[in-house]
Amino acid sequence: MKLPILLFLLVLSGCANHELYQQQRYVFGTLVEVSIYGESKSRADEAITGVMRKFGQMHLELHAWKPSEITRLNQAFSEGKKEKISPETELIIRDATKLSDESEGLFNPAIGNLIGLWGFQNDEFKPVRPDPAKIEKLVAMNPKMDDIVMDAGVAYSRNPAVRLDLGGYAKGYALDVAAEMLRKAGVRNALVNIGGNIMALGRHGDRPWHVGIRNPRGSGAIAELDLEDGEAIGTSGDYQRYFILGSKRYCHIIDPRTGYPVQGVRAVTVLIPRGEHAGALSDAASKPLFISGVAGWRKAAREMRVDQALLIDGDGNIHITRALAKRVRFEKSIIGVSSRFDLG
């Protein structure tokens, strides 16, 4: 079951203003929207078209199961061979490896074989029940990002079980790319939304850009907040790519330690301040918190340098850091739902 639902709902009151220009496109398997405020229509259209063109190129280059540079690398890894690697892909892999190390391997783009085994490497997927022996074998092979060796424009893997799937990183990286492109084009105020991974540039007129955090079990938002210049926000949820089998929900977020989809968490949202690779961090950092669950998300947040985060557990309870609690405004409809301030 594939639901192309945005994780965030843009709250763009006053969008009739002629100074706000937007374009939408379906890229990275989700809806992408770029909004620019305060520029002429021709200037905004040119800037957005350039960003969308780059997104389309990245989608083709980083695809995990259709012919791409990533699938060529994966084939070479499985055969113990070396393969040429582009400078941009090398940069991406190096940064993803750094984030994986910081998460103690919970963020692990090297487990593409497990993701594929569960049927999540398809445009349309159906409920599957993988052979437990196959899951156990893949977990035992322990594929990790540090197995990848890159030198002089070529790459190989010390572990044939490594199969890259950058689905938990690429959207965030694309935010960083878009922000750089827009700034170089002279755009000062913009909002880039890639399926709920969002980065803000400047402001929306006389106020900050305003977004809502989606209710993982209903329509609308559970909370709203303002994004300042350069901030990025990302969510991992069990309602994006999932299937129901025997009344049990199986989502696309796999625990690399067990090989099984994570249970007991509905969604995790992280807010990252302006800085280098803020977009990539907003995408990657939510995964370790999600996988760690209620018992371990605080430790995972500290390891990923995140102090503004929110977790909704399997019962719908909201756990939120004090830093983020100061920023969000919860909808009245969720008042009465228990909340816990888990980080000082």
Protein backbone atom coordinates (compact mmCIF):
# COMPACT_ATOMS: atom_id res chain seq x y z
CA MET A 1 0.00 0.00 0.00
CA LYS A 2 1.59 3.26 -1.08
CA LEU A 3 0.24 6.54 0.24
CA PRO A 4 1.81 9.66 -1.30
CA ILE A 5 0.81 11.81 1.65
CA LEU A 6 2.79 14.83 2.79
CA LEU A 7 4.22 14.57 6.28
CA PHE A 8 3.71 18.28 6.76
CA LEU A 9 0.91 20.58 5.77
CA LEU A 10 1.97 24.01 4.64
CA VAL A 11 -0.06 26.70 6.34
CA LEU A 12 0.25 29.50 3.82
CA SER A 13 -2.43 31.94 4.83
CA GLY A 14 -2.61 34.86 2.50
CA CYS A 15 -1.27 32.83 -0.44
CA ALA A 16 -3.30 34.92 -2.82
CA ASN A 17 -0.55 37.52 -2.54
CA HIS A 18 0.86 38.04 -6.02
CA GLU A 19 4.40 37.91 -4.63
CA LEU A 20 4.19 34.20 -3.72
CA TYR A 21 5.03 31.79 -6.56
CA GLN A 22 4.92 28.01 -6.31
CA GLN A 23 5.61 24.95 -8.44
CA GLN A 24 4.89 21.31 -7.66
CA ARG A 25 6.31 18.14 -9.13
CA TYR A 26 6.39 14.46 -8.24
CA VAL A 27 10.05 13.55 -7.56
CA PHE A 28 11.81 11.15 -5.16
CA GLY A 29 8.57 9.20 -4.98
CA THR A 30 6.75 12.09 -3.34
CA LEU A 31 5.25 15.51 -3.99
CA VAL A 32 7.81 18.31 -4.10
CA GLU A 33 6.83 21.96 -3.74
CA VAL A 34 9.03 25.04 -4.03
CA SER A 35 7.61 28.41 -2.94
CA ILE A 36 9.32 31.76 -3.52
CA TYR A 37 8.21 35.04 -2.02
CA GLY A 38 9.05 38.60 -3.03
CA GLU A 39 10.55 37.99 -6.49
CA SER A 40 9.18 38.70 -9.95
CA LYS A 41 7.32 35.86 -11.60
CA SER A 42 9.99 35.39 -14.27
CA ARG A 43 12.80 35.31 -11.71
CA ALA A 44 10.91 32.92 -9.45
CA ASP A 45 9.97 30.61 -12.32
CA GLU A 46 13.55 30.47 -13.55
CA ALA A 47 14.91 29.66 -10.08
CA ILE A 48 12.28 27.01 -9.33
CA THR A 49 12.69 25.39 -12.75
CA GLY A 50 16.43 25.05 -12.13
CA VAL A 51 15.85 23.43 -8.75
CA MET A 52 13.27 21.01 -10.12
CA ARG A 53 15.59 20.05 -12.98
CA LYS A 54 18.36 19.25 -10.48
CA PHE A 55 15.92 17.21 -8.37
CA GLY A 56 15.01 15.17 -11.44
CA GLN A 57 18.67 14.45 -12.15
CA MET A 58 19.30 13.42 -8.55
CA HIS A 59 16.28 11.13 -8.59
CA LEU A 60 17.69 9.28 -11.60
CA GLU A 61 21.25 9.12 -10.25
CA LEU A 62 20.35 7.96 -6.74
CA HIS A 63 17.50 5.54 -7.46
CA ALA A 64 17.82 2.36 -5.40
CA TRP A 65 16.15 -0.15 -7.71
CA LYS A 66 15.91 1.36 -11.18
CA PRO A 67 19.05 1.68 -13.35
CA SER A 68 21.22 4.42 -11.79
CA GLU A 69 24.68 5.07 -10.47
CA ILE A 70 23.58 3.56 -7.15
CA THR A 71 22.38 0.30 -8.73
CA ARG A 72 25.67 0.05 -10.68
CA LEU A 73 27.60 0.51 -7.44
CA ASN A 74 25.45 -2.06 -5.68
CA GLN A 75 26.08 -4.59 -8.42
CA ALA A 76 29.82 -4.03 -8.16
CA PHE A 77 29.70 -4.30 -4.36
CA SER A 78 27.92 -7.65 -4.55
CA GLU A 79 30.53 -8.98 -6.99
CA GLY A 80 33.54 -7.65 -5.12
CA LYS A 81 34.46 -5.35 -8.00
CA LYS A 82 35.46 -1.71 -8.28
CA GLU A 83 33.19 0.82 -9.96
CA LYS A 84 33.63 4.44 -11.00
CA ILE A 85 31.90 6.93 -8.75
CA SER A 86 30.95 10.55 -9.46
CA PRO A 87 32.27 13.30 -7.17
CA GLU A 88 28.76 14.18 -5.96
CA THR A 89 27.86 10.58 -5.12
CA GLU A 90 31.17 10.19 -3.28
CA LEU A 91 30.37 13.31 -1.26
CA ILE A 92 26.91 11.92 -0.46
CA ILE A 93 28.26 8.55 0.65
CA ARG A 94 30.94 10.14 2.82
CA ASP A 95 28.41 12.35 4.60
CA ALA A 96 25.92 9.49 4.99
CA THR A 97 28.72 7.35 6.45
CA LYS A 98 29.56 10.07 8.97
CA LEU A 99 25.92 10.29 10.06
CA SER A 100 25.69 6.51 10.25
CA ASP A 101 28.71 6.41 12.54
CA GLU A 102 27.24 9.11 14.78
CA SER A 103 24.03 7.09 15.10
CA GLU A 104 25.98 3.93 16.03
CA GLY A 105 24.66 2.32 12.86
CA LEU A 106 20.95 2.89 13.43
CA PHE A 107 20.88 5.17 10.40
CA ASN A 108 22.23 2.67 7.90
CA PRO A 109 21.76 3.18 4.14
CA ALA A 110 23.76 -0.02 3.52
CA ILE A 111 20.81 -2.32 4.38
CA GLY A 112 19.13 -2.10 0.99
CA ASN A 113 18.90 -5.90 0.80
CA LEU A 114 16.69 -5.92 3.89
CA ILE A 115 14.56 -3.08 2.56
CA GLY A 116 14.13 -4.98 -0.70
CA LEU A 117 13.35 -8.22 1.11
CA TRP A 118 10.44 -6.51 2.85
CA GLY A 119 9.12 -5.32 -0.53
CA PHE A 120 9.76 -1.61 -0.05
CA GLN A 121 11.95 -1.18 -3.13
CA ASN A 122 9.03 -0.98 -5.51
CA ASP A 123 6.86 1.80 -6.87
CA GLU A 124 3.86 -0.24 -5.74
CA PHE A 125 4.35 -2.79 -3.00
CA LYS A 126 2.26 -5.59 -1.53
CA PRO A 127 2.19 -7.21 1.90
CA VAL A 128 4.99 -9.77 2.25
CA ARG A 129 6.18 -12.06 5.00
CA PRO A 130 9.91 -12.63 4.42
CA ASP A 131 11.58 -15.89 5.39
CA PRO A 132 12.98 -15.33 8.93
CA ALA A 133 16.08 -17.31 7.96
CA LYS A 134 16.82 -14.85 5.15
CA ILE A 135 16.37 -11.92 7.51
CA GLU A 136 18.69 -13.51 10.05
CA LYS A 137 21.32 -14.18 7.40
CA LEU A 138 21.30 -10.57 6.14
CA VAL A 139 21.52 -9.18 9.68
CA ALA A 140 24.43 -11.52 10.44
CA MET A 141 26.33 -10.25 7.40
CA ASN A 142 26.24 -6.83 9.08
CA PRO A 143 26.43 -4.50 6.06
CA LYS A 144 27.49 -1.00 7.07
CA MET A 145 28.58 2.21 5.44
CA ASP A 146 32.14 1.85 6.69
CA ASP A 147 32.48 -1.22 4.44
CA ILE A 148 32.57 1.10 1.41
CA VAL A 149 36.02 2.18 0.23
CA MET A 150 36.39 5.15 -2.14
CA ASP A 151 39.64 6.30 -3.69
CA ALA A 152 40.75 8.00 -6.90
CA GLY A 153 37.25 8.09 -8.38
CA VAL A 154 36.40 4.42 -7.81
CA ALA A 155 34.53 2.60 -5.06
CA TYR A 156 34.25 -0.94 -3.79
CA SER A 157 32.91 -2.72 -0.73
CA ARG A 158 34.72 -4.99 1.70
CA ASN A 159 31.34 -6.61 2.39
CA PRO A 160 29.32 -8.07 -0.53
CA ALA A 161 26.11 -7.66 1.53
CA VAL A 162 26.25 -3.85 1.22
CA ARG A 163 23.42 -2.54 -0.92
CA LEU A 164 22.90 1.20 -0.82
CA ASP A 165 19.44 2.68 -0.42
CA LEU A 166 19.66 6.42 0.18
CA GLY A 167 15.91 6.91 0.59
CA GLY A 168 16.45 8.12 4.16
CA TYR A 169 19.03 10.71 3.15
CA ALA A 170 18.45 11.94 -0.41
CA LYS A 171 15.49 14.22 0.30
CA GLY A 172 17.39 16.03 3.02
CA TYR A 173 20.47 16.36 0.84
CA ALA A 174 18.24 17.76 -1.90
CA LEU A 175 17.08 20.48 0.52
CA ASP A 176 20.69 21.58 0.98
CA VAL A 177 21.26 21.59 -2.77
CA ALA A 178 18.09 23.60 -3.39
CA ALA A 179 18.96 26.15 -0.72
CA GLU A 180 22.41 26.69 -2.23
CA MET A 181 20.99 27.04 -5.74
CA LEU A 182 18.33 29.51 -4.65
CA ARG A 183 20.76 31.65 -2.70
CA LYS A 184 23.17 31.73 -5.64
CA ALA A 185 20.25 32.84 -7.83
CA GLY A 186 19.68 35.76 -5.49
CA VAL A 187 16.46 34.36 -3.97
CA ARG A 188 16.19 35.49 -0.37
CA ASN A 189 12.82 34.07 0.71
CA ALA A 190 11.73 30.54 -0.16
CA LEU A 191 10.33 27.34 1.24
CA VAL A 192 11.31 23.94 -0.16
CA ASN A 193 9.07 20.99 0.78
CA ILE A 194 10.09 17.50 -0.32
CA GLY A 195 7.37 15.20 0.96
CA GLY A 196 7.45 16.81 4.40
CA ASN A 197 11.19 17.40 4.62
CA ILE A 198 11.23 21.20 4.64
CA MET A 199 13.82 23.99 4.61
CA ALA A 200 13.11 27.69 4.98
CA LEU A 201 15.01 30.58 3.45
CA GLY A 202 14.29 34.06 4.77
CA ARG A 203 10.68 34.88 5.54
CA HIS A 204 7.19 34.87 4.06
CA GLY A 205 6.70 38.60 3.92
CA ASP A 206 6.55 40.12 7.39
CA ARG A 207 6.43 36.77 9.20
CA PRO A 208 8.37 33.52 9.31
CA TRP A 209 7.39 30.57 7.16
CA HIS A 210 4.64 28.65 8.95
CA VAL A 211 4.25 24.86 8.82
CA GLY A 212 2.21 22.18 10.54
CA ILE A 213 3.27 18.77 11.87
CA ARG A 214 0.98 16.12 10.44
CA ASN A 215 -1.26 13.89 12.53
CA PRO A 216 0.02 10.35 11.83
CA ARG A 217 -3.41 8.83 12.40
CA GLY A 218 -5.73 11.43 10.97
CA SER A 219 -6.09 14.39 8.69
CA GLY A 220 -4.70 17.80 9.42
CA ALA A 221 -1.94 18.85 11.79
CA ILE A 222 -1.33 18.12 15.46
CA ALA A 223 0.86 21.20 15.89
CA GLU A 224 2.18 24.30 14.14
CA LEU A 225 5.46 26.16 14.27
CA ASP A 226 7.42 28.90 12.53
CA LEU A 227 10.65 28.15 10.67
CA GLU A 228 13.47 30.66 10.77
CA ASP A 229 15.96 31.31 7.98
CA GLY A 230 18.00 28.19 7.20
CA GLU A 231 16.13 25.86 9.53
CA ALA A 232 15.18 22.39 8.31
CA ILE A 233 12.58 20.01 9.63
CA GLY A 234 12.07 16.34 8.87
CA THR A 235 9.75 13.53 9.89
CA SER A 236 9.88 9.75 9.80
CA GLY A 237 6.51 8.06 10.12
CA ASP A 238 4.92 4.63 9.96
CA TYR A 239 2.14 6.02 7.76
CA GLN A 240 4.17 6.84 4.65
CA ARG A 241 5.17 3.50 3.14
CA TYR A 242 3.62 0.57 4.94
CA PHE A 243 1.35 -2.42 4.65
CA ILE A 244 -1.03 -4.23 6.99
CA LEU A 245 -0.62 -7.97 7.43
CA GLY A 246 -2.65 -9.91 9.98
CA SER A 247 -3.88 -6.63 11.54
CA LYS A 248 -0.24 -5.59 12.14
CA ARG A 249 1.33 -2.53 10.55
CA TYR A 250 4.72 -2.96 8.89
CA CYS A 251 6.45 0.28 7.89
CA HIS A 252 9.47 0.93 5.67
CA ILE A 253 11.78 1.88 8.56
CA ILE A 254 13.85 -1.22 9.28
CA ASP A 255 15.86 -1.77 12.45
CA PRO A 256 19.26 -2.92 11.15
CA ARG A 257 19.88 -4.81 14.40
CA THR A 258 16.87 -7.10 13.97
CA GLY A 259 16.03 -6.84 10.27
CA TYR A 260 12.37 -6.12 11.05
CA PRO A 261 10.21 -2.99 10.61
CA VAL A 262 10.07 -0.86 13.74
CA GLN A 263 7.03 -1.19 15.99
CA GLY A 264 5.77 1.07 18.77
CA VAL A 265 6.40 4.45 17.13
CA ARG A 266 4.09 6.38 14.84
CA ALA A 267 6.26 9.37 13.97
CA VAL A 268 9.38 11.33 14.86
CA THR A 269 9.98 14.96 13.93
CA VAL A 270 13.30 16.78 14.25
CA LEU A 271 14.07 20.48 13.81
CA ILE A 272 17.61 21.38 12.78
CA PRO A 273 19.04 24.92 13.05
CA ARG A 274 20.77 26.60 10.16
CA GLY A 275 24.16 25.11 9.42
CA GLU A 276 26.14 23.02 6.98
CA HIS A 277 24.14 19.97 5.81
CA ALA A 278 21.11 20.98 7.91
CA GLY A 279 18.79 19.42 5.34
CA ALA A 280 20.63 16.11 5.23
CA LEU A 281 20.72 15.96 9.02
CA SER A 282 16.98 16.67 9.24
CA ASP A 283 16.32 13.64 7.03
CA ALA A 284 18.82 11.22 8.53
CA ALA A 285 18.51 12.12 12.21
CA SER A 286 14.85 11.17 12.54
CA LYS A 287 15.62 7.51 11.74
CA PRO A 288 17.78 6.65 14.77
CA LEU A 289 15.25 8.29 17.07
CA PHE A 290 12.42 6.34 15.44
CA ILE A 291 14.31 3.05 15.65
CA SER A 292 15.40 3.65 19.26
CA GLY A 293 11.78 4.09 20.34
CA VAL A 294 10.47 5.55 23.58
CA ALA A 295 13.20 3.94 25.68
CA GLY A 296 16.16 5.17 23.66
CA TRP A 297 15.22 8.20 21.59
CA ARG A 298 16.76 10.68 24.04
CA LYS A 299 20.19 9.07 23.75
CA ALA A 300 19.85 8.84 19.96
CA ALA A 301 18.96 12.54 19.79
CA ARG A 302 22.07 13.52 21.73
CA GLU A 303 24.25 11.35 19.51
CA MET A 304 22.80 13.01 16.41
CA ARG A 305 23.24 16.52 17.85
CA VAL A 306 19.48 17.10 17.94
CA ASP A 307 17.89 19.04 20.79
CA GLN A 308 14.54 19.85 19.12
CA ALA A 309 12.56 16.67 18.55
CA LEU A 310 9.13 15.12 19.00
CA LEU A 311 8.15 11.45 19.13
CA ILE A 312 4.63 10.03 18.92
CA ASP A 313 4.55 6.52 20.33
CA GLY A 314 2.37 3.59 19.33
CA ASP A 315 -0.39 4.66 21.71
CA GLY A 316 -0.47 8.20 20.38
CA ASN A 317 1.32 9.77 23.35
CA ILE A 318 3.53 12.74 22.54
CA HIS A 319 7.08 12.91 23.85
CA ILE A 320 8.83 16.20 23.18
CA THR A 321 12.07 17.92 24.09
CA ARG A 322 11.87 21.12 26.08
CA ALA A 323 13.60 23.03 23.29
CA LEU A 324 10.97 22.10 20.72
CA ALA A 325 8.10 22.49 23.17
CA LYS A 326 8.95 26.18 23.31
CA ARG A 327 8.44 26.45 19.55
CA VAL A 328 5.31 24.43 18.75
CA ARG A 329 1.65 25.28 19.23
CA PHE A 330 -0.49 22.18 19.61
CA GLU A 331 -3.96 21.96 18.13
CA LYS A 332 -6.83 22.04 20.62
CA SER A 333 -8.05 18.69 19.31
CA ILE A 334 -5.10 16.88 20.90
CA ILE A 335 -5.26 18.59 24.28
CA GLY A 336 -5.63 15.81 26.84
CA VAL A 337 -3.16 13.56 25.04
CA SER A 338 -0.34 12.87 27.49
CA SER A 339 2.95 14.64 26.82
CA ARG A 340 6.38 14.06 28.30
CA PHE A 341 9.32 16.45 28.35
CA ASP A 342 12.12 13.98 27.85
CA LEU A 343 15.20 16.16 27.36
CA GLY A 344 16.36 18.98 29.55
